[in-house]
Amino acid sequence: MFGTFTEDQEQLRGVVRNFLADKSPESEVRRLMETEEGYDPAVWTQMGREAGLQGIAIPEQYGGQGAGWTELGIVLEEAGRALLCAPYFATVVLAATTLLESGDEEAKQQYLPAIADGSLIATVALTEEGGRWDAEGVTLPATPTPDGWMLTGAKHFVLDGTTAKLIIVPAVTASGISLFAVDADAAGVTRRPSITLDRTRKLAVVEFDATPARLLGTEGGGWRVLQRVLDFAAVGLAAEQAGGAQAALDQSTEYLKTRVQFGQPIGAFQALKHMAADVLVEVESARSAAYYALEAASQDNDELPAAASLAKAYCSEAFVTAAHQNIQFHGGMGFTWEVAAHLFYKRARSSEVFLGDAFAHREALAQRIGV
């Protein structure tokens, strides 16, 4: 039954929450967001080799923990609560899932153990200048060579594109969209960090100039793989958004209880009670949508595509609502740099459009359920 967790899963949540409370407090988030790398390499290594977080959903045969999407969703939810600054989503959710779905056994054997132990950072470079998350948005060409393949073109909005050592690139061949593995240090690769609203997520423009690439899976089979990857990723992002929304609500309620006006906490005023109750309903509903989608992802059943779009659409708007109201509850000081409210609002806005906005996912949901 979705929304209920085993004792082991609750223990996992407690371990991850305690780990992130120690390694990702607000002070550390603020420090890392100002760095070019955007993460702490020592903590990243500890996450992989000691906590096993990178390999949690990677099968044991590839060096992982062999758990599933429910456990990964728990980690992502807690990461969202803590605004974790690390290439976790790019590496674990996007790249590892793409490798697993690619059907390329050699690539899985080569890359997944390194992802699981934290020694490899990876990402997927899907979007181009138009920022589209559909097949029509993929136009970068791949050219066959005597030694393999060659890529020339650019990808935009690449998550953790400046730190990843493995870049998985969808490109167009004579057979259609195909997937390619590119070593970030290969000839012709240029990476430039992008200036973004949310400094806790590092995006980049990655350019390829006659760059050698290795085909992943079958030529022309890339979009079939990416459709599944994007559904799984939408589920993972929804879980992260639900965690962020809960953190914003927690900040709001704490301030409502401690800020005194006219001799009483401002949370005692009826208008603010109503506003807080509305946010609570949104956050609880978002969590339910995320858990429902995680259940579908764990079982990999026919409900996954619709559940993924439903969860991404709802959780995107719920996170924005919770983060916006958090600023409003704090009043004038809510807009200041010193208060953490703006960090969650910026993360909410960046997550809202990442992997497609709520409107796009409602459209997808309508098509998937035949409306």
Protein backbone atom coordinates (compact mmCIF):
# COMPACT_ATOMS: atom_id res chain seq x y z
CA MET A 1 0.00 0.00 0.00
CA PHE A 2 1.48 3.31 -1.06
CA GLY A 3 2.31 5.85 1.63
CA THR A 4 3.26 3.25 4.22
CA PHE A 5 6.83 2.25 4.93
CA THR A 6 8.51 -0.73 6.51
CA GLU A 7 10.59 -0.46 9.65
CA ASP A 8 13.76 -0.71 7.56
CA GLN A 9 12.60 2.09 5.29
CA GLU A 10 11.83 4.34 8.26
CA GLN A 11 15.25 3.57 9.68
CA LEU A 12 16.75 4.56 6.33
CA ARG A 13 14.90 7.85 6.51
CA GLY A 14 16.26 8.51 9.98
CA VAL A 15 19.82 7.70 8.95
CA VAL A 16 19.64 9.93 5.88
CA ARG A 17 18.00 12.79 7.78
CA ASN A 18 20.67 12.69 10.48
CA PHE A 19 23.45 12.46 7.89
CA LEU A 20 22.13 15.48 5.99
CA ALA A 21 21.52 17.45 9.17
CA ASP A 22 25.23 17.05 9.84
CA LYS A 23 26.55 17.44 6.29
CA SER A 24 24.03 19.81 4.71
CA PRO A 25 23.03 22.48 7.26
CA GLU A 26 22.01 25.89 5.94
CA SER A 27 25.51 27.25 6.49
CA GLU A 28 27.00 24.55 4.27
CA VAL A 29 24.34 25.04 1.60
CA ARG A 30 25.19 28.73 1.48
CA ARG A 31 28.92 27.97 1.26
CA LEU A 32 28.63 25.38 -1.50
CA MET A 33 26.23 27.37 -3.65
CA GLU A 34 28.92 30.03 -4.01
CA THR A 35 31.54 27.56 -5.24
CA GLU A 36 32.06 26.59 -8.87
CA GLU A 37 31.78 22.86 -8.14
CA GLY A 38 28.68 23.18 -5.98
CA TYR A 39 29.45 20.19 -3.78
CA ASP A 40 31.94 18.87 -1.23
CA PRO A 41 34.01 16.01 -2.74
CA ALA A 42 34.74 14.54 0.71
CA VAL A 43 31.04 14.38 1.58
CA TRP A 44 30.24 12.95 -1.85
CA THR A 45 32.75 10.15 -1.27
CA GLN A 46 31.33 9.51 2.18
CA MET A 47 27.82 9.34 0.73
CA GLY A 48 28.92 6.61 -1.66
CA ARG A 49 31.41 4.51 0.26
CA GLU A 50 30.07 4.80 3.80
CA ALA A 51 26.37 5.62 3.51
CA GLY A 52 25.79 3.78 0.22
CA LEU A 53 23.41 6.46 -1.03
CA GLN A 54 24.60 6.60 -4.65
CA GLY A 55 24.12 2.89 -5.09
CA ILE A 56 20.88 2.49 -3.21
CA ALA A 57 18.79 1.65 -6.29
CA ILE A 58 21.58 0.05 -8.32
CA PRO A 59 21.39 -3.77 -8.44
CA GLU A 60 23.90 -5.67 -6.34
CA GLN A 61 25.46 -7.24 -9.43
CA TYR A 62 26.68 -3.76 -10.36
CA GLY A 63 27.98 -2.88 -6.91
CA GLY A 64 24.82 -1.26 -5.56
CA GLN A 65 22.54 -1.86 -2.60
CA GLY A 66 19.82 -3.53 -4.65
CA ALA A 67 16.96 -1.53 -3.14
CA GLY A 68 14.24 0.14 -5.22
CA TRP A 69 12.55 3.39 -6.06
CA THR A 70 10.77 3.62 -2.72
CA GLU A 71 14.12 3.73 -0.91
CA LEU A 72 15.57 6.10 -3.48
CA GLY A 73 12.50 8.29 -3.08
CA ILE A 74 13.08 8.46 0.67
CA VAL A 75 16.65 9.66 0.07
CA LEU A 76 15.46 12.24 -2.47
CA GLU A 77 12.73 13.50 -0.16
CA GLU A 78 15.26 14.05 2.61
CA ALA A 79 17.69 15.64 0.16
CA GLY A 80 14.93 18.07 -0.81
CA ARG A 81 14.32 18.95 2.83
CA ALA A 82 18.02 19.71 3.28
CA LEU A 83 18.58 21.46 -0.09
CA LEU A 84 21.45 19.05 -0.62
CA CYS A 85 24.15 20.58 -2.82
CA ALA A 86 25.60 17.56 -4.63
CA PRO A 87 25.44 15.97 -8.10
CA TYR A 88 23.11 13.32 -6.70
CA PHE A 89 20.11 13.78 -8.97
CA ALA A 90 22.21 14.00 -12.13
CA THR A 91 24.31 10.96 -11.28
CA VAL A 92 21.89 8.62 -9.53
CA VAL A 93 18.50 9.50 -11.00
CA LEU A 94 19.38 10.57 -14.53
CA ALA A 95 22.62 8.83 -15.50
CA ALA A 96 22.35 5.57 -13.56
CA THR A 97 18.73 5.07 -14.63
CA THR A 98 19.67 5.70 -18.26
CA LEU A 99 22.45 3.12 -18.06
CA LEU A 100 20.14 0.58 -16.45
CA GLU A 101 17.44 1.13 -19.07
CA SER A 102 19.87 1.17 -22.01
CA GLY A 103 20.27 -2.59 -22.13
CA ASP A 104 23.99 -2.10 -22.71
CA GLU A 105 25.52 -4.72 -20.42
CA GLU A 106 29.11 -3.68 -21.10
CA ALA A 107 28.35 -0.06 -20.20
CA LYS A 108 26.51 -1.09 -17.05
CA GLN A 109 29.45 -3.19 -15.93
CA GLN A 110 31.85 -0.35 -16.68
CA TYR A 111 30.06 2.63 -15.16
CA LEU A 112 27.54 1.56 -12.53
CA PRO A 113 30.00 0.23 -9.90
CA ALA A 114 31.88 3.54 -10.04
CA ILE A 115 28.63 5.47 -9.63
CA ALA A 116 27.63 3.27 -6.71
CA ASP A 117 30.84 3.84 -4.75
CA GLY A 118 30.91 7.57 -5.41
CA SER A 119 33.97 7.60 -7.64
CA LEU A 120 32.10 8.64 -10.80
CA ILE A 121 29.91 11.70 -11.29
CA ALA A 122 27.67 11.46 -14.35
CA THR A 123 24.84 13.31 -16.02
CA VAL A 124 22.51 13.25 -19.02
CA ALA A 125 22.72 16.14 -21.49
CA LEU A 126 19.28 16.09 -23.10
CA THR A 127 18.02 19.62 -23.63
CA GLU A 128 19.28 21.99 -26.27
CA GLU A 129 18.94 25.75 -26.66
CA GLY A 130 15.14 25.58 -26.91
CA GLY A 131 14.91 23.89 -23.51
CA ARG A 132 12.53 21.18 -24.72
CA TRP A 133 12.19 17.83 -22.98
CA ASP A 134 10.67 15.95 -25.92
CA ALA A 135 12.03 14.07 -28.92
CA GLU A 136 11.56 17.07 -31.21
CA GLY A 137 13.99 19.02 -29.05
CA VAL A 138 16.88 16.65 -29.84
CA THR A 139 18.68 17.82 -32.98
CA LEU A 140 22.39 17.40 -32.20
CA PRO A 141 23.83 15.09 -34.89
CA ALA A 142 26.02 12.03 -34.40
CA THR A 143 28.29 11.07 -37.28
CA PRO A 144 29.75 7.58 -37.75
CA THR A 145 33.53 7.32 -37.99
CA PRO A 146 35.91 4.39 -38.57
CA ASP A 147 36.51 4.27 -34.81
CA GLY A 148 32.94 4.79 -33.61
CA TRP A 149 30.95 8.01 -33.49
CA MET A 150 31.54 11.75 -33.41
CA LEU A 151 29.36 14.53 -31.93
CA THR A 152 29.28 18.18 -32.94
CA GLY A 153 26.87 20.65 -31.37
CA ALA A 154 25.75 21.92 -27.97
CA LYS A 155 23.56 20.91 -25.07
CA HIS A 156 22.09 23.44 -22.66
CA PHE A 157 20.80 23.34 -19.08
CA VAL A 158 22.93 20.27 -18.32
CA LEU A 159 22.61 19.45 -14.63
CA ASP A 160 26.07 19.28 -13.02
CA GLY A 161 27.55 19.47 -16.49
CA THR A 162 30.78 21.09 -15.31
CA THR A 163 31.62 18.42 -12.72
CA ALA A 164 30.42 15.22 -14.42
CA LYS A 165 33.11 12.92 -15.80
CA LEU A 166 30.62 10.87 -17.81
CA ILE A 167 28.12 12.69 -20.02
CA ILE A 168 25.33 10.68 -21.64
CA VAL A 169 24.24 12.51 -24.77
CA PRO A 170 21.13 11.87 -26.88
CA ALA A 171 21.91 12.63 -30.52
CA VAL A 172 20.37 12.00 -33.92
CA THR A 173 21.67 9.29 -36.26
CA ALA A 174 20.26 7.87 -39.49
CA SER A 175 18.20 5.48 -37.36
CA GLY A 176 16.78 8.15 -35.04
CA ILE A 177 17.66 9.34 -31.56
CA SER A 178 20.50 7.33 -30.04
CA LEU A 179 22.40 7.52 -26.77
CA PHE A 180 26.12 8.12 -26.52
CA ALA A 181 28.62 8.04 -23.67
CA VAL A 182 31.17 10.85 -23.71
CA ASP A 183 34.20 11.24 -21.50
CA ALA A 184 34.10 14.82 -20.22
CA ASP A 185 37.85 15.08 -20.83
CA ALA A 186 37.59 13.94 -24.44
CA ALA A 187 38.78 16.11 -27.30
CA GLY A 188 36.40 18.83 -28.38
CA VAL A 189 34.41 19.06 -25.12
CA THR A 190 33.90 22.57 -23.74
CA ARG A 191 31.87 23.19 -20.59
CA ARG A 192 30.62 26.56 -19.37
CA PRO A 193 28.65 27.14 -16.17
CA SER A 194 25.27 28.82 -16.62
CA ILE A 195 24.06 31.72 -14.51
CA THR A 196 20.84 30.57 -12.86
CA LEU A 197 18.30 31.73 -10.30
CA ASP A 198 18.87 28.70 -8.08
CA ARG A 199 22.53 28.54 -7.11
CA THR A 200 22.04 25.24 -5.28
CA ARG A 201 21.69 23.51 -8.66
CA LYS A 202 24.58 23.84 -11.08
CA LEU A 203 23.68 23.94 -14.78
CA ALA A 204 26.01 24.18 -17.73
CA VAL A 205 26.30 24.53 -21.48
CA VAL A 206 28.27 21.61 -22.91
CA GLU A 207 29.67 21.95 -26.42
CA PHE A 208 31.06 19.18 -28.62
CA ASP A 209 33.41 19.72 -31.54
CA ALA A 210 34.12 16.47 -33.40
CA THR A 211 34.07 14.75 -30.02
CA PRO A 212 34.50 10.96 -29.96
CA ALA A 213 31.54 9.14 -28.43
CA ARG A 214 30.51 5.59 -27.66
CA LEU A 215 27.09 4.27 -28.64
CA LEU A 216 24.98 3.07 -25.69
CA GLY A 217 22.49 0.34 -26.42
CA THR A 218 21.06 0.13 -29.94
CA GLU A 219 21.22 2.81 -32.59
CA GLY A 220 17.86 4.52 -32.91
CA GLY A 221 16.62 3.17 -29.59
CA GLY A 222 17.50 6.19 -27.51
CA TRP A 223 14.14 7.88 -27.22
CA ARG A 224 12.41 4.71 -26.06
CA VAL A 225 14.94 4.58 -23.23
CA LEU A 226 14.68 8.29 -22.48
CA GLN A 227 10.88 8.18 -22.22
CA ARG A 228 11.19 5.74 -19.37
CA VAL A 229 14.09 7.64 -17.81
CA LEU A 230 12.11 10.89 -17.87
CA ASP A 231 9.16 9.18 -16.15
CA PHE A 232 11.39 7.76 -13.43
CA ALA A 233 13.18 11.10 -13.07
CA ALA A 234 9.86 12.97 -12.76
CA VAL A 235 8.94 10.64 -9.91
CA GLY A 236 12.27 11.25 -8.21
CA LEU A 237 11.97 15.01 -8.60
CA ALA A 238 8.44 14.95 -7.21
CA ALA A 239 9.74 13.22 -4.09
CA GLU A 240 12.45 15.85 -3.75
CA GLN A 241 9.88 18.62 -4.22
CA ALA A 242 7.65 17.11 -1.55
CA GLY A 243 10.58 17.18 0.86
CA GLY A 244 11.35 20.80 0.01
CA ALA A 245 7.71 21.79 0.46
CA GLN A 246 7.66 20.17 3.90
CA ALA A 247 10.82 22.05 4.89
CA ALA A 248 9.29 25.35 3.79
CA LEU A 249 6.16 24.57 5.81
CA ASP A 250 8.29 23.67 8.84
CA GLN A 251 10.07 27.02 8.59
CA SER A 252 6.72 28.79 8.36
CA THR A 253 5.18 27.11 11.39
CA GLU A 254 8.29 27.67 13.48
CA TYR A 255 8.21 31.38 12.69
CA LEU A 256 4.46 31.59 13.33
CA LYS A 257 5.02 30.10 16.78
CA THR A 258 7.96 32.29 17.77
CA ARG A 259 7.23 35.70 16.20
CA VAL A 260 5.25 37.73 18.75
CA GLN A 261 3.01 40.65 17.79
CA PHE A 262 0.49 42.43 19.98
CA GLY A 263 1.45 40.23 22.88
CA GLN A 264 0.92 36.85 21.22
CA PRO A 265 2.49 34.60 18.56
CA ILE A 266 1.37 35.65 15.11
CA GLY A 267 0.27 32.08 14.48
CA ALA A 268 -2.63 32.72 16.85
CA PHE A 269 -4.24 35.10 14.36
CA GLN A 270 -7.04 33.45 12.44
CA ALA A 271 -6.05 34.72 9.00
CA LEU A 272 -2.57 33.24 9.32
CA LYS A 273 -4.01 30.00 10.68
CA HIS A 274 -6.12 29.68 7.54
CA MET A 275 -3.14 30.37 5.29
CA ALA A 276 -1.00 27.81 7.12
CA ALA A 277 -3.78 25.23 6.93
CA ASP A 278 -4.04 25.72 3.17
CA VAL A 279 -0.30 25.16 2.79
CA LEU A 280 -0.52 22.04 4.96
CA VAL A 281 -3.19 20.59 2.68
CA GLU A 282 -1.02 21.26 -0.37
CA VAL A 283 2.06 19.69 1.20
CA GLU A 284 0.21 16.60 2.38
CA SER A 285 -1.42 16.20 -1.03
CA ALA A 286 1.96 16.58 -2.72
CA ARG A 287 3.44 13.92 -0.50
CA SER A 288 0.57 11.56 -1.35
CA ALA A 289 1.07 12.16 -5.07
CA ALA A 290 4.81 11.55 -4.76
CA TYR A 291 4.35 8.36 -2.75
CA TYR A 292 1.77 7.07 -5.24
CA ALA A 293 4.23 7.66 -8.07
CA LEU A 294 7.07 6.02 -6.12
CA GLU A 295 4.90 2.94 -5.66
CA ALA A 296 4.26 2.81 -9.41
CA ALA A 297 7.98 3.25 -10.09
CA SER A 298 8.91 0.53 -7.61
CA GLN A 299 6.55 -1.91 -9.26
CA ASP A 300 7.32 -0.54 -12.74
CA ASN A 301 3.68 -1.06 -13.68
CA ASP A 302 1.40 0.42 -16.32
CA GLU A 303 0.44 3.29 -14.03
CA LEU A 304 3.96 4.74 -14.02
CA PRO A 305 3.66 7.21 -16.95
CA ALA A 306 0.42 8.76 -15.69
CA ALA A 307 1.55 8.70 -12.05
CA ALA A 308 4.82 10.39 -12.96
CA SER A 309 3.13 13.27 -14.77
CA LEU A 310 0.51 13.64 -12.05
CA ALA A 311 3.11 13.78 -9.30
CA LYS A 312 5.44 16.16 -11.14
CA ALA A 313 2.62 18.58 -11.96
CA TYR A 314 1.15 18.61 -8.45
CA CYS A 315 4.41 18.64 -6.51
CA SER A 316 5.81 21.44 -8.65
CA GLU A 317 2.95 23.77 -7.76
CA ALA A 318 2.74 22.66 -4.14
CA PHE A 319 6.43 23.38 -3.57
CA VAL A 320 6.11 26.84 -5.14
CA THR A 321 3.05 27.55 -2.98
CA ALA A 322 4.74 26.44 0.24
CA ALA A 323 7.93 28.36 -0.54
CA HIS A 324 6.03 31.51 -1.55
CA GLN A 325 3.86 31.46 1.55
CA ASN A 326 6.94 30.94 3.70
CA ILE A 327 8.24 34.27 2.46
CA GLN A 328 4.87 35.90 3.08
CA PHE A 329 4.68 34.59 6.64
CA HIS A 330 8.08 36.09 7.37
CA GLY A 331 6.93 39.49 6.14
CA GLY A 332 9.54 42.03 5.01
CA MET A 333 12.42 40.00 6.39
CA GLY A 334 11.31 37.03 4.28
CA PHE A 335 12.76 38.75 1.21
CA THR A 336 16.19 39.26 2.76
CA TRP A 337 19.31 37.25 2.01
CA GLU A 338 19.80 36.31 5.67
CA VAL A 339 16.55 34.32 5.89
CA ALA A 340 16.58 30.88 4.25
CA ALA A 341 13.13 31.31 2.72
CA HIS A 342 14.53 32.57 -0.58
CA LEU A 343 16.71 29.48 -0.95
CA PHE A 344 13.67 27.22 -0.97
CA TYR A 345 11.72 29.56 -3.23
CA LYS A 346 14.50 29.55 -5.83
CA ARG A 347 14.80 25.77 -5.63
CA ALA A 348 11.03 25.49 -6.03
CA ARG A 349 11.07 27.67 -9.13
CA SER A 350 13.99 25.83 -10.73
CA SER A 351 12.45 22.43 -9.99
CA GLU A 352 9.13 23.61 -11.39
CA VAL A 353 10.51 23.87 -14.94
CA PHE A 354 13.11 21.10 -14.71
CA LEU A 355 11.95 17.99 -16.65
CA GLY A 356 8.93 20.00 -17.89
CA ASP A 357 6.58 22.35 -16.06
CA ALA A 358 3.18 21.59 -14.55
CA PHE A 359 1.32 22.58 -17.73
CA ALA A 360 3.39 20.21 -19.86
CA HIS A 361 2.84 17.34 -17.43
CA ARG A 362 -0.90 17.97 -17.27
CA GLU A 363 -0.97 17.77 -21.03
CA ALA A 364 1.01 14.53 -20.88
CA LEU A 365 -1.29 13.16 -18.18
CA ALA A 366 -4.37 13.92 -20.27
CA GLN A 367 -2.88 12.07 -23.23
CA ARG A 368 -1.76 9.14 -21.11
CA ILE A 369 -5.18 8.56 -19.59
CA GLY A 370 -6.95 9.17 -22.90
CA VAL A 371 -8.72 12.42 -22.07
